Amino acid sequence: MGYEWDATKNAENIAKHGVDFADAVPVFEDDYAITTSMTTPIPASSAT
């Protein structure tokens, strides 16, 4: 699968979080990732 993103938003993300979108691609392509559904909402103050 291919990914594309806005260059300006990528630069802002690098400045704010130190993460390039290109470096995050493997997260979405991880064959061993586990995805779950949340049954109890997390308070906004706890969500990251």
PDB file of N, CA and C in Angstrom:
ATOM      1  N   MET A   1       0.846  -1.162   0.000  1.00  0.00           N
ATOM      2  CA  MET A   1       0.000   0.000   0.000  1.00  0.00           C
ATOM      3  C   MET A   1       0.899   1.234   0.000  1.00  0.00           C
ATOM      4  N   GLY A   2       0.481   2.255  -0.707  1.00  0.00           N
ATOM      5  CA  GLY A   2       1.239   3.500  -0.724  1.00  0.00           C
ATOM      6  C   GLY A   2       0.640   4.521   0.226  1.00  0.00           C
ATOM      7  N   TYR A   3       1.455   5.415   0.661  1.00  0.00           N
ATOM      8  CA  TYR A   3       1.007   6.465   1.569  1.00  0.00           C
ATOM      9  C   TYR A   3       1.457   7.803   1.011  1.00  0.00           C
ATOM     10  N   GLU A   4       0.640   8.805   1.186  1.00  0.00           N
ATOM     11  CA  GLU A   4       1.054  10.157   0.829  1.00  0.00           C
ATOM     12  C   GLU A   4       0.571  11.100   1.919  1.00  0.00           C
ATOM     13  N   TRP A   5       1.313  12.183   2.102  1.00  0.00           N
ATOM     14  CA  TRP A   5       0.968  13.146   3.135  1.00  0.00           C
ATOM     15  C   TRP A   5       1.386  14.526   2.687  1.00  0.00           C
ATOM     16  N   ASP A   6       0.840  15.499   3.356  1.00  0.00           N
ATOM     17  CA  ASP A   6       1.127  16.899   3.079  1.00  0.00           C
ATOM     18  C   ASP A   6       2.512  17.235   3.632  1.00  0.00           C
ATOM     19  N   ALA A   7       3.363  17.800   2.785  1.00  0.00           N
ATOM     20  CA  ALA A   7       4.742  18.116   3.190  1.00  0.00           C
ATOM     21  C   ALA A   7       4.785  19.115   4.342  1.00  0.00           C
ATOM     22  N   THR A   8       3.870  20.074   4.330  1.00  0.00           N
ATOM     23  CA  THR A   8       3.841  21.069   5.405  1.00  0.00           C
ATOM     24  C   THR A   8       3.457  20.417   6.727  1.00  0.00           C
ATOM     25  N   LYS A   9       2.431  19.561   6.699  1.00  0.00           N
ATOM     26  CA  LYS A   9       2.017  18.874   7.928  1.00  0.00           C
ATOM     27  C   LYS A   9       3.117  17.942   8.427  1.00  0.00           C
ATOM     28  N   ASN A  10       3.837  17.319   7.497  1.00  0.00           N
ATOM     29  CA  ASN A  10       4.938  16.449   7.895  1.00  0.00           C
ATOM     30  C   ASN A  10       6.015  17.256   8.614  1.00  0.00           C
ATOM     31  N   ALA A  11       6.347  18.423   8.062  1.00  0.00           N
ATOM     32  CA  ALA A  11       7.356  19.284   8.695  1.00  0.00           C
ATOM     33  C   ALA A  11       6.889  19.733  10.081  1.00  0.00           C
ATOM     34  N   GLU A  12       5.603  20.058  10.204  1.00  0.00           N
ATOM     35  CA  GLU A  12       5.060  20.463  11.506  1.00  0.00           C
ATOM     36  C   GLU A  12       5.116  19.300  12.497  1.00  0.00           C
ATOM     37  N   ASN A  13       4.829  18.088  12.021  1.00  0.00           N
ATOM     38  CA  ASN A  13       4.868  16.913  12.889  1.00  0.00           C
ATOM     39  C   ASN A  13       6.288  16.633  13.369  1.00  0.00           C
ATOM     40  N   ILE A  14       7.257  16.804  12.471  1.00  0.00           N
ATOM     41  CA  ILE A  14       8.657  16.615  12.856  1.00  0.00           C
ATOM     42  C   ILE A  14       9.047  17.634  13.918  1.00  0.00           C
ATOM     43  N   ALA A  15       8.659  18.898  13.705  1.00  0.00           N
ATOM     44  CA  ALA A  15       8.998  19.954  14.660  1.00  0.00           C
ATOM     45  C   ALA A  15       8.328  19.722  16.016  1.00  0.00           C
ATOM     46  N   LYS A  16       7.073  19.286  15.994  1.00  0.00           N
ATOM     47  CA  LYS A  16       6.311  19.133  17.235  1.00  0.00           C
ATOM     48  C   LYS A  16       6.622  17.824  17.969  1.00  0.00           C
ATOM     49  N   HIS A  17       6.739  16.715  17.207  1.00  0.00           N
ATOM     50  CA  HIS A  17       6.864  15.397  17.832  1.00  0.00           C
ATOM     51  C   HIS A  17       8.189  14.692  17.552  1.00  0.00           C
ATOM     52  N   GLY A  18       8.963  15.234  16.615  1.00  0.00           N
ATOM     53  CA  GLY A  18      10.231  14.604  16.264  1.00  0.00           C
ATOM     54  C   GLY A  18      10.073  13.333  15.448  1.00  0.00           C
ATOM     55  N   VAL A  19       8.916  13.171  14.806  1.00  0.00           N
ATOM     56  CA  VAL A  19       8.654  11.964  14.019  1.00  0.00           C
ATOM     57  C   VAL A  19       8.271  12.350  12.594  1.00  0.00           C
ATOM     58  N   ASP A  20       9.006  11.789  11.645  1.00  0.00           N
ATOM     59  CA  ASP A  20       8.700  11.967  10.231  1.00  0.00           C
ATOM     60  C   ASP A  20       7.607  10.961   9.869  1.00  0.00           C
ATOM     61  N   PHE A  21       6.618  11.384   9.078  1.00  0.00           N
ATOM     62  CA  PHE A  21       5.558  10.460   8.689  1.00  0.00           C
ATOM     63  C   PHE A  21       6.130   9.211   8.015  1.00  0.00           C
ATOM     64  N   ALA A  22       7.192   9.368   7.242  1.00  0.00           N
ATOM     65  CA  ALA A  22       7.801   8.217   6.562  1.00  0.00           C
ATOM     66  C   ALA A  22       8.311   7.188   7.570  1.00  0.00           C
ATOM     67  N   ASP A  23       8.756   7.651   8.728  1.00  0.00           N
ATOM     68  CA  ASP A  23       9.234   6.735   9.764  1.00  0.00           C
ATOM     69  C   ASP A  23       8.084   5.992  10.441  1.00  0.00           C
ATOM     70  N   ALA A  24       6.863   6.515  10.324  1.00  0.00           N
ATOM     71  CA  ALA A  24       5.705   5.896  10.963  1.00  0.00           C
ATOM     72  C   ALA A  24       5.036   4.842  10.085  1.00  0.00           C
ATOM     73  N   VAL A  25       5.353   4.801   8.803  1.00  0.00           N
ATOM     74  CA  VAL A  25       4.715   3.852   7.885  1.00  0.00           C
ATOM     75  C   VAL A  25       4.797   2.410   8.380  1.00  0.00           C
ATOM     76  N   PRO A  26       5.932   1.930   8.891  1.00  0.00           N
ATOM     77  CA  PRO A  26       5.986   0.532   9.355  1.00  0.00           C
ATOM     78  C   PRO A  26       4.948   0.193  10.426  1.00  0.00           C
ATOM     79  N   VAL A  27       4.498   1.173  11.169  1.00  0.00           N
ATOM     80  CA  VAL A  27       3.472   0.932  12.188  1.00  0.00           C
ATOM     81  C   VAL A  27       2.202   0.398  11.530  1.00  0.00           C
ATOM     82  N   PHE A  28       1.871   0.931  10.359  1.00  0.00           N
ATOM     83  CA  PHE A  28       0.651   0.524   9.669  1.00  0.00           C
ATOM     84  C   PHE A  28       0.839  -0.743   8.839  1.00  0.00           C
ATOM     85  N   GLU A  29       2.069  -1.162   8.638  1.00  0.00           N
ATOM     86  CA  GLU A  29       2.346  -2.345   7.835  1.00  0.00           C
ATOM     87  C   GLU A  29       2.826  -3.525   8.677  1.00  0.00           C
ATOM     88  N   ASP A  30       2.686  -3.443   9.984  1.00  0.00           N
ATOM     89  CA  ASP A  30       3.159  -4.484  10.896  1.00  0.00           C
ATOM     90  C   ASP A  30       2.223  -5.693  10.854  1.00  0.00           C
ATOM     91  N   ASP A  31       2.711  -6.801  10.329  1.00  0.00           N
ATOM     92  CA  ASP A  31       1.906  -8.021  10.244  1.00  0.00           C
ATOM     93  C   ASP A  31       1.575  -8.602  11.613  1.00  0.00           C
ATOM     94  N   TYR A  32       2.301  -8.204  12.641  1.00  0.00           N
ATOM     95  CA  TYR A  32       2.093  -8.756  13.974  1.00  0.00           C
ATOM     96  C   TYR A  32       1.367  -7.793  14.914  1.00  0.00           C
ATOM     97  N   ALA A  33       0.879  -6.691  14.370  1.00  0.00           N
ATOM     98  CA  ALA A  33       0.166  -5.712  15.191  1.00  0.00           C
ATOM     99  C   ALA A  33      -1.143  -6.307  15.695  1.00  0.00           C
ATOM    100  N   ILE A  34      -1.525  -5.894  16.863  1.00  0.00           N
ATOM    101  CA  ILE A  34      -2.785  -6.326  17.450  1.00  0.00           C
ATOM    102  C   ILE A  34      -3.686  -5.104  17.544  1.00  0.00           C
ATOM    103  N   THR A  35      -4.869  -5.224  16.980  1.00  0.00           N
ATOM    104  CA  THR A  35      -5.841  -4.137  17.019  1.00  0.00           C
ATOM    105  C   THR A  35      -7.025  -4.598  17.849  1.00  0.00           C
ATOM    106  N   THR A  36      -7.444  -3.774  18.783  1.00  0.00           N
ATOM    107  CA  THR A  36      -8.578  -4.122  19.629  1.00  0.00           C
ATOM    108  C   THR A  36      -9.610  -3.013  19.582  1.00  0.00           C
ATOM    109  N   SER A  37     -10.811  -3.348  19.980  1.00  0.00           N
ATOM    110  CA  SER A  37     -11.875  -2.360  20.103  1.00  0.00           C
ATOM    111  C   SER A  37     -11.988  -1.975  21.567  1.00  0.00           C
ATOM    112  N   MET A  38     -12.194  -0.702  21.804  1.00  0.00           N
ATOM    113  CA  MET A  38     -12.355  -0.246  23.182  1.00  0.00           C
ATOM    114  C   MET A  38     -13.831  -0.306  23.550  1.00  0.00           C
ATOM    115  N   THR A  39     -14.122  -0.877  24.695  1.00  0.00           N
ATOM    116  CA  THR A  39     -15.503  -0.919  25.154  1.00  0.00           C
ATOM    117  C   THR A  39     -15.769   0.173  26.178  1.00  0.00           C
ATOM    118  N   THR A  40     -14.718   0.691  26.784  1.00  0.00           N
ATOM    119  CA  THR A  40     -14.845   1.764  27.763  1.00  0.00           C
ATOM    120  C   THR A  40     -14.068   2.966  27.258  1.00  0.00           C
ATOM    121  N   PRO A  41     -14.728   4.092  27.091  1.00  0.00           N
ATOM    122  CA  PRO A  41     -14.011   5.268  26.590  1.00  0.00           C
ATOM    123  C   PRO A  41     -12.939   5.744  27.568  1.00  0.00           C
ATOM    124  N   ILE A  42     -11.848   6.227  27.038  1.00  0.00           N
ATOM    125  CA  ILE A  42     -10.780   6.807  27.849  1.00  0.00           C
ATOM    126  C   ILE A  42     -11.067   8.296  27.988  1.00  0.00           C
ATOM    127  N   PRO A  43     -10.991   8.827  29.207  1.00  0.00           N
ATOM    128  CA  PRO A  43     -11.197  10.269  29.362  1.00  0.00           C
ATOM    129  C   PRO A  43     -10.197  11.043  28.502  1.00  0.00           C
ATOM    130  N   ALA A  44     -10.626  12.152  27.949  1.00  0.00           N
ATOM    131  CA  ALA A  44      -9.778  12.949  27.062  1.00  0.00           C
ATOM    132  C   ALA A  44      -8.462  13.318  27.728  1.00  0.00           C
ATOM    133  N   SER A  45      -8.468  13.503  29.038  1.00  0.00           N
ATOM    134  CA  SER A  45      -7.241  13.880  29.737  1.00  0.00           C
ATOM    135  C   SER A  45      -6.224  12.740  29.773  1.00  0.00           C
ATOM    136  N   SER A  46      -6.673  11.498  29.535  1.00  0.00           N
ATOM    137  CA  SER A  46      -5.775  10.347  29.561  1.00  0.00           C
ATOM    138  C   SER A  46      -5.343   9.896  28.174  1.00  0.00           C
ATOM    139  N   ALA A  47      -6.098  10.283  27.162  1.00  0.00           N
ATOM    140  CA  ALA A  47      -5.801   9.836  25.798  1.00  0.00           C
ATOM    141  C   ALA A  47      -4.584  10.566  25.261  1.00  0.00           C
ATOM    142  N   THR A  48      -3.745   9.832  24.524  1.00  0.00           N
ATOM    143  CA  THR A  48      -2.584  10.465  23.896  1.00  0.00           C
ATOM    144  C   THR A  48      -2.590  10.179  22.422  1.00  0.00           C
TER     145      THR A  48
END
